[in-house]
Amino acid sequence: MNNVNKYIMAALICASLFFIPVTMAGKKVDETIKSEGVNTVTIENLSGKVIIVGWEKEWVTVKGELDDKAKQLVFEQVGHSINIKVDIPKNDRRRAKGSILTIHMPADLRMNFESISSDVELENLTNNVSVKTISGDINAKNLAEHIELSSVSGSIKAKSLQGKINLSTVSGDIKDENSLGRLQLKVVSGDITSKSDASEVFVNNVSGNIKLQLTKVDELNISEVSGDAKVSLFLQRNGIVKASSVSGAVTLDFQDDVAADFRLKANAGGDLTNRLTAQEAEKAKYGPSEKLYFQTGNANSSVSVNTVSGDITVK
């Protein structure tokens, strides 16, 4: 090998030692469609993050960067709907790192969003909103009308939602603030926290804890298995509270002048504690069960709490 070839070979070896692979950036997008005649916007994104903002303009815009594995951005009007979809070939989906998009749309249009692992933020949408994701987190504020947000392993944060609200996740947490209307919260193994002005509240949890601060309750229904529930509430006239647990503790903290008929029962153990009146629990003559029945004020409302072996406290 002559000297020239030796130098070339050495240069190639050195270059290979210092080579750093570069990930190709995805395509930048900045597109707009007029929303005339449209009543629904449907969005699909496999992974990454999508921000959806309602505004007063009669345009739908999409800006951001597609995943480098994306084939194309589908952005089209079909009938009365605008469809937005990041199209990624099936063979590349496992290697996709995600698209980052910001979408503006008229606030009064319906919005449907579906994803596998994309996080989503929503703001200022005043018509029906539906979000379904597997492992993505959901962050929503200032939404109205019929609202349904669900994730399997992601968490949900919601602020200032109004209307018929349904928030559900399997293994994530739910945090709700300043909601108004009818509120339904469902979790299997995460925690639920809510500070709400909703008049109708329905909460279901299996193994996580529940913490609620409710300002004007007409109806409250709580179902839990092994987690604990701590609830501070103002019970309206003719209001109804129903709660049940298996082994979890339930604590209900009412306003000072609450007027209700109370019926508390533990079927196989657990303590019943009354801090509203001097009435004490009665133990069954046979078996471990006990009950605590009493009334406050003119008893215009109703409170019923049942447990298998958890503790129940009213105060």
C-alpha atoms as a PDB file:
ATOM      1  CA  MET A   1       0.000   0.000   0.000  1.00  0.00           C
ATOM      2  CA  ASN A   2       1.476   3.330  -1.045  1.00  0.00           C
ATOM      3  CA  ASN A   3       1.659   6.345   1.265  1.00  0.00           C
ATOM      4  CA  VAL A   4      -1.355   8.096  -0.335  1.00  0.00           C
ATOM      5  CA  ASN A   5      -3.618   5.115   0.265  1.00  0.00           C
ATOM      6  CA  LYS A   6      -2.367   4.847   3.838  1.00  0.00           C
ATOM      7  CA  TYR A   7      -3.298   8.466   4.516  1.00  0.00           C
ATOM      8  CA  ILE A   8      -6.754   7.990   2.996  1.00  0.00           C
ATOM      9  CA  MET A   9      -7.371   4.865   5.077  1.00  0.00           C
ATOM     10  CA  ALA A  10      -6.278   6.610   8.278  1.00  0.00           C
ATOM     11  CA  ALA A  11      -8.562   9.550   7.548  1.00  0.00           C
ATOM     12  CA  LEU A  12     -11.540   7.255   7.016  1.00  0.00           C
ATOM     13  CA  ILE A  13     -10.896   5.407  10.278  1.00  0.00           C
ATOM     14  CA  CYS A  14     -10.675   8.646  12.241  1.00  0.00           C
ATOM     15  CA  ALA A  15     -13.854   9.958  10.649  1.00  0.00           C
ATOM     16  CA  SER A  16     -15.742   6.771  11.590  1.00  0.00           C
ATOM     17  CA  LEU A  17     -14.619   7.065  15.220  1.00  0.00           C
ATOM     18  CA  PHE A  18     -16.030  10.569  15.529  1.00  0.00           C
ATOM     19  CA  PHE A  19     -19.234  10.015  13.549  1.00  0.00           C
ATOM     20  CA  ILE A  20     -22.390  10.884  15.494  1.00  0.00           C
ATOM     21  CA  PRO A  21     -25.723   9.804  14.007  1.00  0.00           C
ATOM     22  CA  VAL A  22     -28.195  12.671  13.524  1.00  0.00           C
ATOM     23  CA  THR A  23     -31.953  12.206  13.838  1.00  0.00           C
ATOM     24  CA  MET A  24     -33.739  13.857  10.973  1.00  0.00           C
ATOM     25  CA  ALA A  25     -36.182  16.536  12.068  1.00  0.00           C
ATOM     26  CA  GLY A  26     -39.805  16.145  11.037  1.00  0.00           C
ATOM     27  CA  LYS A  27     -41.573  18.308   8.492  1.00  0.00           C
ATOM     28  CA  LYS A  28     -42.735  21.742   9.631  1.00  0.00           C
ATOM     29  CA  VAL A  29     -46.425  22.426   9.020  1.00  0.00           C
ATOM     30  CA  ASP A  30     -48.444  25.643   8.920  1.00  0.00           C
ATOM     31  CA  GLU A  31     -51.835  25.124   7.299  1.00  0.00           C
ATOM     32  CA  THR A  32     -55.281  26.728   7.464  1.00  0.00           C
ATOM     33  CA  ILE A  33     -58.824  25.784   6.441  1.00  0.00           C
ATOM     34  CA  LYS A  34     -61.907  28.031   6.654  1.00  0.00           C
ATOM     35  CA  SER A  35     -64.562  26.532   8.932  1.00  0.00           C
ATOM     36  CA  GLU A  36     -67.634  27.643   6.986  1.00  0.00           C
ATOM     37  CA  GLY A  37     -70.342  24.941   7.200  1.00  0.00           C
ATOM     38  CA  VAL A  38     -68.313  22.895   9.703  1.00  0.00           C
ATOM     39  CA  ASN A  39     -69.668  21.679  13.056  1.00  0.00           C
ATOM     40  CA  THR A  40     -66.998  19.149  14.154  1.00  0.00           C
ATOM     41  CA  VAL A  41     -63.212  18.953  14.238  1.00  0.00           C
ATOM     42  CA  THR A  42     -61.714  15.440  14.549  1.00  0.00           C
ATOM     43  CA  ILE A  43     -58.056  15.038  15.497  1.00  0.00           C
ATOM     44  CA  GLU A  44     -55.861  11.913  15.552  1.00  0.00           C
ATOM     45  CA  ASN A  45     -52.237  11.873  16.680  1.00  0.00           C
ATOM     46  CA  LEU A  46     -50.286   8.749  17.582  1.00  0.00           C
ATOM     47  CA  SER A  47     -47.774  10.267  20.015  1.00  0.00           C
ATOM     48  CA  GLY A  48     -46.134  13.506  21.006  1.00  0.00           C
ATOM     49  CA  LYS A  49     -48.122  16.526  22.176  1.00  0.00           C
ATOM     50  CA  VAL A  50     -51.081  18.449  20.820  1.00  0.00           C
ATOM     51  CA  ILE A  51     -52.336  21.811  22.068  1.00  0.00           C
ATOM     52  CA  ILE A  52     -55.912  22.682  21.057  1.00  0.00           C
ATOM     53  CA  VAL A  53     -57.174  26.221  21.610  1.00  0.00           C
ATOM     54  CA  GLY A  54     -60.585  27.654  20.873  1.00  0.00           C
ATOM     55  CA  TRP A  55     -60.840  31.141  19.373  1.00  0.00           C
ATOM     56  CA  GLU A  56     -63.373  33.489  17.762  1.00  0.00           C
ATOM     57  CA  LYS A  57     -61.968  33.298  14.224  1.00  0.00           C
ATOM     58  CA  GLU A  58     -63.683  31.227  11.500  1.00  0.00           C
ATOM     59  CA  TRP A  59     -60.531  29.311  10.664  1.00  0.00           C
ATOM     60  CA  VAL A  60     -58.904  26.064  11.752  1.00  0.00           C
ATOM     61  CA  THR A  61     -55.114  26.236  11.776  1.00  0.00           C
ATOM     62  CA  VAL A  62     -52.438  23.583  12.365  1.00  0.00           C
ATOM     63  CA  LYS A  63     -48.857  24.565  13.169  1.00  0.00           C
ATOM     64  CA  GLY A  64     -45.901  22.576  14.434  1.00  0.00           C
ATOM     65  CA  GLU A  65     -43.590  19.742  13.525  1.00  0.00           C
ATOM     66  CA  LEU A  66     -44.487  16.238  12.381  1.00  0.00           C
ATOM     67  CA  ASP A  67     -42.749  13.107  13.592  1.00  0.00           C
ATOM     68  CA  ASP A  68     -39.889  12.250  11.233  1.00  0.00           C
ATOM     69  CA  LYS A  69     -41.639   8.915  10.568  1.00  0.00           C
ATOM     70  CA  ALA A  70     -44.862  10.664   9.477  1.00  0.00           C
ATOM     71  CA  LYS A  71     -45.958  10.066   5.901  1.00  0.00           C
ATOM     72  CA  GLN A  72     -48.169  13.149   5.772  1.00  0.00           C
ATOM     73  CA  LEU A  73     -50.532  15.437   7.623  1.00  0.00           C
ATOM     74  CA  VAL A  74     -54.123  14.815   6.594  1.00  0.00           C
ATOM     75  CA  PHE A  75     -55.952  18.138   6.922  1.00  0.00           C
ATOM     76  CA  GLU A  76     -59.197  18.256   5.020  1.00  0.00           C
ATOM     77  CA  GLN A  77     -62.886  19.077   5.169  1.00  0.00           C
ATOM     78  CA  VAL A  78     -65.262  16.162   4.643  1.00  0.00           C
ATOM     79  CA  GLY A  79     -68.899  17.203   4.711  1.00  0.00           C
ATOM     80  CA  HIS A  80     -69.496  19.152   7.916  1.00  0.00           C
ATOM     81  CA  SER A  81     -66.284  17.938   9.561  1.00  0.00           C
ATOM     82  CA  ILE A  82     -62.634  18.938   9.426  1.00  0.00           C
ATOM     83  CA  ASN A  83     -60.303  15.968   9.869  1.00  0.00           C
ATOM     84  CA  ILE A  84     -56.744  16.343  11.162  1.00  0.00           C
ATOM     85  CA  LYS A  85     -54.549  13.230  11.272  1.00  0.00           C
ATOM     86  CA  VAL A  86     -50.830  12.560  11.443  1.00  0.00           C
ATOM     87  CA  ASP A  87     -50.429   9.596   9.108  1.00  0.00           C
ATOM     88  CA  ILE A  88     -47.622   7.250  10.206  1.00  0.00           C
ATOM     89  CA  PRO A  89     -47.105   3.883   8.447  1.00  0.00           C
ATOM     90  CA  LYS A  90     -47.818   0.881  10.686  1.00  0.00           C
ATOM     91  CA  ASN A  91     -44.264  -0.436  10.386  1.00  0.00           C
ATOM     92  CA  ASP A  92     -42.866   2.833  11.766  1.00  0.00           C
ATOM     93  CA  ARG A  93     -45.276   3.414  14.646  1.00  0.00           C
ATOM     94  CA  ARG A  94     -43.140   1.740  17.311  1.00  0.00           C
ATOM     95  CA  ARG A  95     -40.183   3.955  16.386  1.00  0.00           C
ATOM     96  CA  ALA A  96     -42.188   7.175  16.194  1.00  0.00           C
ATOM     97  CA  LYS A  97     -41.086   9.859  18.665  1.00  0.00           C
ATOM     98  CA  GLY A  98     -44.143  12.022  18.290  1.00  0.00           C
ATOM     99  CA  SER A  99     -45.492  15.102  16.552  1.00  0.00           C
ATOM    100  CA  ILE A 100     -45.749  18.494  18.261  1.00  0.00           C
ATOM    101  CA  LEU A 101     -48.796  20.430  17.043  1.00  0.00           C
ATOM    102  CA  THR A 102     -50.773  23.523  18.012  1.00  0.00           C
ATOM    103  CA  ILE A 103     -54.311  23.669  16.652  1.00  0.00           C
ATOM    104  CA  HIS A 104     -56.598  26.696  16.782  1.00  0.00           C
ATOM    105  CA  MET A 105     -60.278  26.207  16.016  1.00  0.00           C
ATOM    106  CA  PRO A 106     -63.571  28.062  16.492  1.00  0.00           C
ATOM    107  CA  ALA A 107     -64.548  27.684  20.141  1.00  0.00           C
ATOM    108  CA  ASP A 108     -68.164  26.717  19.385  1.00  0.00           C
ATOM    109  CA  LEU A 109     -67.359  23.664  17.226  1.00  0.00           C
ATOM    110  CA  ARG A 110     -67.468  20.104  18.558  1.00  0.00           C
ATOM    111  CA  MET A 111     -64.040  18.516  19.044  1.00  0.00           C
ATOM    112  CA  ASN A 112     -63.050  14.831  19.067  1.00  0.00           C
ATOM    113  CA  PHE A 113     -59.476  13.776  19.848  1.00  0.00           C
ATOM    114  CA  GLU A 114     -57.983  10.249  19.813  1.00  0.00           C
ATOM    115  CA  SER A 115     -54.441   9.091  20.521  1.00  0.00           C
ATOM    116  CA  ILE A 116     -52.240   6.263  21.769  1.00  0.00           C
ATOM    117  CA  SER A 117     -49.562   8.071  23.766  1.00  0.00           C
ATOM    118  CA  SER A 118     -49.925  11.735  22.878  1.00  0.00           C
ATOM    119  CA  ASP A 119     -50.330  14.301  25.638  1.00  0.00           C
ATOM    120  CA  VAL A 120     -53.050  16.840  24.971  1.00  0.00           C
ATOM    121  CA  GLU A 121     -53.850  20.320  26.262  1.00  0.00           C
ATOM    122  CA  LEU A 122     -57.261  21.886  25.629  1.00  0.00           C
ATOM    123  CA  GLU A 123     -58.473  25.393  26.292  1.00  0.00           C
ATOM    124  CA  ASN A 124     -61.487  27.627  25.580  1.00  0.00           C
ATOM    125  CA  LEU A 125     -63.817  25.153  23.842  1.00  0.00           C
ATOM    126  CA  THR A 126     -67.505  25.816  24.443  1.00  0.00           C
ATOM    127  CA  ASN A 127     -69.201  22.909  22.663  1.00  0.00           C
ATOM    128  CA  ASN A 128     -69.017  19.132  23.095  1.00  0.00           C
ATOM    129  CA  VAL A 129     -65.478  17.856  23.760  1.00  0.00           C
ATOM    130  CA  SER A 130     -64.326  14.219  23.630  1.00  0.00           C
ATOM    131  CA  VAL A 131     -60.754  13.064  24.332  1.00  0.00           C
ATOM    132  CA  LYS A 132     -59.588   9.438  24.384  1.00  0.00           C
ATOM    133  CA  THR A 133     -55.959   8.432  24.887  1.00  0.00           C
ATOM    134  CA  ILE A 134     -54.164   5.315  26.133  1.00  0.00           C
ATOM    135  CA  SER A 135     -51.079   6.573  27.948  1.00  0.00           C
ATOM    136  CA  GLY A 136     -51.143  10.305  27.349  1.00  0.00           C
ATOM    137  CA  ASP A 137     -51.860  12.961  29.982  1.00  0.00           C
ATOM    138  CA  ILE A 138     -54.783  15.355  29.582  1.00  0.00           C
ATOM    139  CA  ASN A 139     -54.735  18.989  30.708  1.00  0.00           C
ATOM    140  CA  ALA A 140     -57.982  20.898  30.162  1.00  0.00           C
ATOM    141  CA  LYS A 141     -59.317  24.304  31.152  1.00  0.00           C
ATOM    142  CA  ASN A 142     -62.263  26.518  30.283  1.00  0.00           C
ATOM    143  CA  LEU A 143     -64.368  23.877  28.539  1.00  0.00           C
ATOM    144  CA  ALA A 144     -68.172  23.816  28.408  1.00  0.00           C
ATOM    145  CA  GLU A 145     -71.243  21.739  27.485  1.00  0.00           C
ATOM    146  CA  HIS A 146     -70.764  17.945  27.306  1.00  0.00           C
ATOM    147  CA  ILE A 147     -67.181  17.067  28.257  1.00  0.00           C
ATOM    148  CA  GLU A 148     -65.720  13.543  28.208  1.00  0.00           C
ATOM    149  CA  LEU A 149     -62.012  13.079  28.939  1.00  0.00           C
ATOM    150  CA  SER A 150     -60.584   9.570  29.338  1.00  0.00           C
ATOM    151  CA  SER A 151     -57.160   7.926  29.569  1.00  0.00           C
ATOM    152  CA  VAL A 152     -55.975   4.445  30.515  1.00  0.00           C
ATOM    153  CA  SER A 153     -52.661   5.153  32.247  1.00  0.00           C
ATOM    154  CA  GLY A 154     -52.439   8.920  31.904  1.00  0.00           C
ATOM    155  CA  SER A 155     -53.479  11.541  34.449  1.00  0.00           C
ATOM    156  CA  ILE A 156     -56.128  14.221  34.010  1.00  0.00           C
ATOM    157  CA  LYS A 157     -55.940  17.828  35.195  1.00  0.00           C
ATOM    158  CA  ALA A 158     -59.049  19.932  34.704  1.00  0.00           C
ATOM    159  CA  LYS A 159     -59.817  23.532  35.622  1.00  0.00           C
ATOM    160  CA  SER A 160     -62.966  25.606  35.155  1.00  0.00           C
ATOM    161  CA  LEU A 161     -65.023  23.015  33.273  1.00  0.00           C
ATOM    162  CA  GLN A 162     -68.759  23.628  33.020  1.00  0.00           C
ATOM    163  CA  GLY A 163     -71.657  21.400  31.967  1.00  0.00           C
ATOM    164  CA  LYS A 164     -71.937  17.619  31.940  1.00  0.00           C
ATOM    165  CA  ILE A 165     -68.415  16.515  32.868  1.00  0.00           C
ATOM    166  CA  ASN A 166     -67.084  12.955  32.726  1.00  0.00           C
ATOM    167  CA  LEU A 167     -63.432  12.350  33.662  1.00  0.00           C
ATOM    168  CA  SER A 168     -62.051   8.794  33.815  1.00  0.00           C
ATOM    169  CA  THR A 169     -58.701   7.013  33.978  1.00  0.00           C
ATOM    170  CA  VAL A 170     -57.601   3.530  35.010  1.00  0.00           C
ATOM    171  CA  SER A 171     -54.224   3.999  36.670  1.00  0.00           C
ATOM    172  CA  GLY A 172     -53.732   7.759  36.501  1.00  0.00           C
ATOM    173  CA  ASP A 173     -54.802  10.517  38.901  1.00  0.00           C
ATOM    174  CA  ILE A 174     -57.599  13.047  38.470  1.00  0.00           C
ATOM    175  CA  LYS A 175     -57.330  16.620  39.703  1.00  0.00           C
ATOM    176  CA  ASP A 176     -60.342  18.870  39.156  1.00  0.00           C
ATOM    177  CA  GLU A 177     -60.728  22.538  40.097  1.00  0.00           C
ATOM    178  CA  ASN A 178     -63.644  24.972  39.814  1.00  0.00           C
ATOM    179  CA  SER A 179     -65.953  22.649  37.899  1.00  0.00           C
ATOM    180  CA  LEU A 180     -69.646  23.497  37.617  1.00  0.00           C
ATOM    181  CA  GLY A 181     -72.686  21.449  36.621  1.00  0.00           C
ATOM    182  CA  ARG A 182     -72.816  17.659  36.738  1.00  0.00           C
ATOM    183  CA  LEU A 183     -69.498  15.983  37.573  1.00  0.00           C
ATOM    184  CA  GLN A 184     -68.565  12.317  37.206  1.00  0.00           C
ATOM    185  CA  LEU A 185     -65.098  11.066  38.226  1.00  0.00           C
ATOM    186  CA  LYS A 186     -63.889   7.469  37.767  1.00  0.00           C
ATOM    187  CA  VAL A 187     -60.521   5.902  38.658  1.00  0.00           C
ATOM    188  CA  VAL A 188     -59.361   2.337  39.341  1.00  0.00           C
ATOM    189  CA  SER A 189     -55.998   2.724  41.089  1.00  0.00           C
ATOM    190  CA  GLY A 190     -55.240   6.442  41.101  1.00  0.00           C
ATOM    191  CA  ASP A 191     -56.224   9.306  43.399  1.00  0.00           C
ATOM    192  CA  ILE A 192     -59.097  11.741  42.901  1.00  0.00           C
ATOM    193  CA  THR A 193     -58.937  15.364  44.065  1.00  0.00           C
ATOM    194  CA  SER A 194     -61.670  17.893  43.351  1.00  0.00           C
ATOM    195  CA  LYS A 195     -62.576  21.419  44.433  1.00  0.00           C
ATOM    196  CA  SER A 196     -65.924  21.863  42.746  1.00  0.00           C
ATOM    197  CA  ASP A 197     -69.048  23.992  42.552  1.00  0.00           C
ATOM    198  CA  ALA A 198     -70.915  21.155  40.795  1.00  0.00           C
ATOM    199  CA  SER A 199     -74.363  20.431  42.232  1.00  0.00           C
ATOM    200  CA  GLU A 200     -74.400  16.766  41.149  1.00  0.00           C
ATOM    201  CA  VAL A 201     -71.246  14.747  41.843  1.00  0.00           C
ATOM    202  CA  PHE A 202     -70.645  11.029  41.196  1.00  0.00           C
ATOM    203  CA  VAL A 203     -67.313   9.491  42.229  1.00  0.00           C
ATOM    204  CA  ASN A 204     -66.097   5.924  41.765  1.00  0.00           C
ATOM    205  CA  ASN A 205     -62.681   4.662  42.899  1.00  0.00           C
ATOM    206  CA  VAL A 206     -61.329   1.191  43.604  1.00  0.00           C
ATOM    207  CA  SER A 207     -57.970   1.419  45.354  1.00  0.00           C
ATOM    208  CA  GLY A 208     -57.073   5.103  45.305  1.00  0.00           C
ATOM    209  CA  ASN A 209     -57.977   7.894  47.697  1.00  0.00           C
ATOM    210  CA  ILE A 210     -60.702  10.504  47.261  1.00  0.00           C
ATOM    211  CA  LYS A 211     -60.504  14.106  48.467  1.00  0.00           C
ATOM    212  CA  LEU A 212     -63.394  16.432  47.658  1.00  0.00           C
ATOM    213  CA  GLN A 213     -64.307  20.020  48.535  1.00  0.00           C
ATOM    214  CA  LEU A 214     -67.857  20.683  47.345  1.00  0.00           C
ATOM    215  CA  THR A 215     -69.625  24.017  47.777  1.00  0.00           C
ATOM    216  CA  LYS A 216     -73.277  23.298  46.877  1.00  0.00           C
ATOM    217  CA  VAL A 217     -74.352  19.681  46.730  1.00  0.00           C
ATOM    218  CA  ASP A 218     -77.808  18.627  45.563  1.00  0.00           C
ATOM    219  CA  GLU A 219     -76.691  15.039  44.987  1.00  0.00           C
ATOM    220  CA  LEU A 220     -73.480  13.217  45.899  1.00  0.00           C
ATOM    221  CA  ASN A 221     -72.781   9.544  45.232  1.00  0.00           C
ATOM    222  CA  ILE A 222     -69.457   7.951  46.259  1.00  0.00           C
ATOM    223  CA  SER A 223     -68.396   4.341  45.695  1.00  0.00           C
ATOM    224  CA  GLU A 224     -65.010   3.046  46.824  1.00  0.00           C
ATOM    225  CA  VAL A 225     -63.395  -0.268  47.705  1.00  0.00           C
ATOM    226  CA  SER A 226     -60.124   0.059  49.633  1.00  0.00           C
ATOM    227  CA  GLY A 227     -59.190   3.719  49.388  1.00  0.00           C
ATOM    228  CA  ASP A 228     -60.160   6.452  51.829  1.00  0.00           C
ATOM    229  CA  ALA A 229     -62.615   9.258  51.086  1.00  0.00           C
ATOM    230  CA  LYS A 230     -62.437  12.657  52.755  1.00  0.00           C
ATOM    231  CA  VAL A 231     -65.224  15.037  51.744  1.00  0.00           C
ATOM    232  CA  SER A 232     -65.971  18.590  52.811  1.00  0.00           C
ATOM    233  CA  LEU A 233     -69.382  19.728  51.564  1.00  0.00           C
ATOM    234  CA  PHE A 234     -72.245  22.172  51.819  1.00  0.00           C
ATOM    235  CA  LEU A 235     -75.420  20.090  51.525  1.00  0.00           C
ATOM    236  CA  GLN A 236     -78.284  21.987  49.920  1.00  0.00           C
ATOM    237  CA  ARG A 237     -81.874  21.820  51.109  1.00  0.00           C
ATOM    238  CA  ASN A 238     -83.466  18.504  50.013  1.00  0.00           C
ATOM    239  CA  GLY A 239     -80.023  17.228  49.054  1.00  0.00           C
ATOM    240  CA  ILE A 240     -79.030  13.565  48.875  1.00  0.00           C
ATOM    241  CA  VAL A 241     -75.733  11.930  49.865  1.00  0.00           C
ATOM    242  CA  LYS A 242     -75.052   8.233  49.280  1.00  0.00           C
ATOM    243  CA  ALA A 243     -71.681   6.611  49.956  1.00  0.00           C
ATOM    244  CA  SER A 244     -70.429   3.037  50.115  1.00  0.00           C
ATOM    245  CA  SER A 245     -67.089   1.362  50.797  1.00  0.00           C
ATOM    246  CA  VAL A 246     -65.660  -2.094  51.393  1.00  0.00           C
ATOM    247  CA  SER A 247     -62.643  -1.502  53.633  1.00  0.00           C
ATOM    248  CA  GLY A 248     -61.931   2.164  53.016  1.00  0.00           C
ATOM    249  CA  ALA A 249     -62.743   4.927  55.484  1.00  0.00           C
ATOM    250  CA  VAL A 250     -65.335   7.616  54.703  1.00  0.00           C
ATOM    251  CA  THR A 251     -65.246  11.041  56.359  1.00  0.00           C
ATOM    252  CA  LEU A 252     -67.976  13.588  55.623  1.00  0.00           C
ATOM    253  CA  ASP A 253     -67.515  17.133  56.927  1.00  0.00           C
ATOM    254  CA  PHE A 254     -70.739  19.183  56.639  1.00  0.00           C
ATOM    255  CA  GLN A 255     -71.579  22.865  57.146  1.00  0.00           C
ATOM    256  CA  ASP A 256     -72.490  23.863  60.710  1.00  0.00           C
ATOM    257  CA  ASP A 257     -76.262  24.039  60.204  1.00  0.00           C
ATOM    258  CA  VAL A 258     -76.717  20.893  58.118  1.00  0.00           C
ATOM    259  CA  ALA A 259     -80.283  19.558  58.303  1.00  0.00           C
ATOM    260  CA  ALA A 260     -80.509  15.888  57.340  1.00  0.00           C
ATOM    261  CA  ASP A 261     -81.618  12.410  58.212  1.00  0.00           C
ATOM    262  CA  PHE A 262     -78.480  10.308  58.751  1.00  0.00           C
ATOM    263  CA  ARG A 263     -78.315   6.533  58.302  1.00  0.00           C
ATOM    264  CA  LEU A 264     -74.881   4.972  58.765  1.00  0.00           C
ATOM    265  CA  LYS A 265     -74.199   1.239  58.793  1.00  0.00           C
ATOM    266  CA  ALA A 266     -71.130  -1.029  59.130  1.00  0.00           C
ATOM    267  CA  ASN A 267     -71.804  -4.653  58.254  1.00  0.00           C
ATOM    268  CA  ALA A 268     -68.699  -6.560  59.360  1.00  0.00           C
ATOM    269  CA  GLY A 269     -66.627  -4.259  61.527  1.00  0.00           C
ATOM    270  CA  GLY A 270     -65.480  -0.670  61.369  1.00  0.00           C
ATOM    271  CA  ASP A 271     -66.343   2.242  63.653  1.00  0.00           C
ATOM    272  CA  LEU A 272     -69.220   4.716  63.200  1.00  0.00           C
ATOM    273  CA  THR A 273     -68.408   8.147  64.632  1.00  0.00           C
ATOM    274  CA  ASN A 274     -70.934  10.968  65.031  1.00  0.00           C
ATOM    275  CA  ARG A 275     -69.539  14.418  65.778  1.00  0.00           C
ATOM    276  CA  LEU A 276     -72.740  16.265  64.889  1.00  0.00           C
ATOM    277  CA  THR A 277     -74.950  15.138  67.790  1.00  0.00           C
ATOM    278  CA  ALA A 278     -74.692  13.062  70.973  1.00  0.00           C
ATOM    279  CA  GLN A 279     -76.302  10.018  69.331  1.00  0.00           C
ATOM    280  CA  GLU A 280     -74.020   6.969  69.435  1.00  0.00           C
ATOM    281  CA  ALA A 281     -73.862   3.858  67.276  1.00  0.00           C
ATOM    282  CA  GLU A 282     -75.843   0.761  68.218  1.00  0.00           C
ATOM    283  CA  LYS A 283     -74.084  -2.590  68.018  1.00  0.00           C
ATOM    284  CA  ALA A 284     -76.003  -5.614  66.781  1.00  0.00           C
ATOM    285  CA  LYS A 285     -77.018  -8.148  69.403  1.00  0.00           C
ATOM    286  CA  TYR A 286     -75.451 -10.860  67.290  1.00  0.00           C
ATOM    287  CA  GLY A 287     -72.580 -10.373  64.902  1.00  0.00           C
ATOM    288  CA  PRO A 288     -70.128  -7.515  64.299  1.00  0.00           C
ATOM    289  CA  SER A 289     -72.451  -5.053  62.536  1.00  0.00           C
ATOM    290  CA  GLU A 290     -73.553  -1.697  63.916  1.00  0.00           C
ATOM    291  CA  LYS A 291     -75.763   1.193  62.868  1.00  0.00           C
ATOM    292  CA  LEU A 292     -76.102   4.879  63.644  1.00  0.00           C
ATOM    293  CA  TYR A 293     -79.374   6.660  62.852  1.00  0.00           C
ATOM    294  CA  PHE A 294     -80.048  10.288  63.829  1.00  0.00           C
ATOM    295  CA  GLN A 295     -81.373  13.612  62.530  1.00  0.00           C
ATOM    296  CA  THR A 296     -80.251  17.235  62.562  1.00  0.00           C
ATOM    297  CA  GLY A 297     -82.391  20.355  62.114  1.00  0.00           C
ATOM    298  CA  ASN A 298     -85.614  19.699  60.197  1.00  0.00           C
ATOM    299  CA  ALA A 299     -83.974  16.734  58.414  1.00  0.00           C
ATOM    300  CA  ASN A 300     -84.949  17.949  54.924  1.00  0.00           C
ATOM    301  CA  SER A 301     -81.938  16.206  53.346  1.00  0.00           C
ATOM    302  CA  SER A 302     -80.777  12.591  53.363  1.00  0.00           C
ATOM    303  CA  VAL A 303     -77.370  11.037  54.126  1.00  0.00           C
ATOM    304  CA  SER A 304     -76.826   7.285  53.756  1.00  0.00           C
ATOM    305  CA  VAL A 305     -73.404   5.635  54.198  1.00  0.00           C
ATOM    306  CA  ASN A 306     -72.692   1.886  54.182  1.00  0.00           C
ATOM    307  CA  THR A 307     -69.445  -0.007  54.636  1.00  0.00           C
ATOM    308  CA  VAL A 308     -68.323  -3.604  55.050  1.00  0.00           C
ATOM    309  CA  SER A 309     -65.379  -3.072  57.408  1.00  0.00           C
ATOM    310  CA  GLY A 310     -64.279   0.561  56.974  1.00  0.00           C
ATOM    311  CA  ASP A 311     -64.709   3.464  59.391  1.00  0.00           C
ATOM    312  CA  ILE A 312     -67.373   6.134  58.870  1.00  0.00           C
ATOM    313  CA  THR A 313     -67.171   9.609  60.387  1.00  0.00           C
ATOM    314  CA  VAL A 314     -69.653  12.477  60.053  1.00  0.00           C
ATOM    315  CA  LYS A 315     -68.899  15.911  61.463  1.00  0.00           C
END
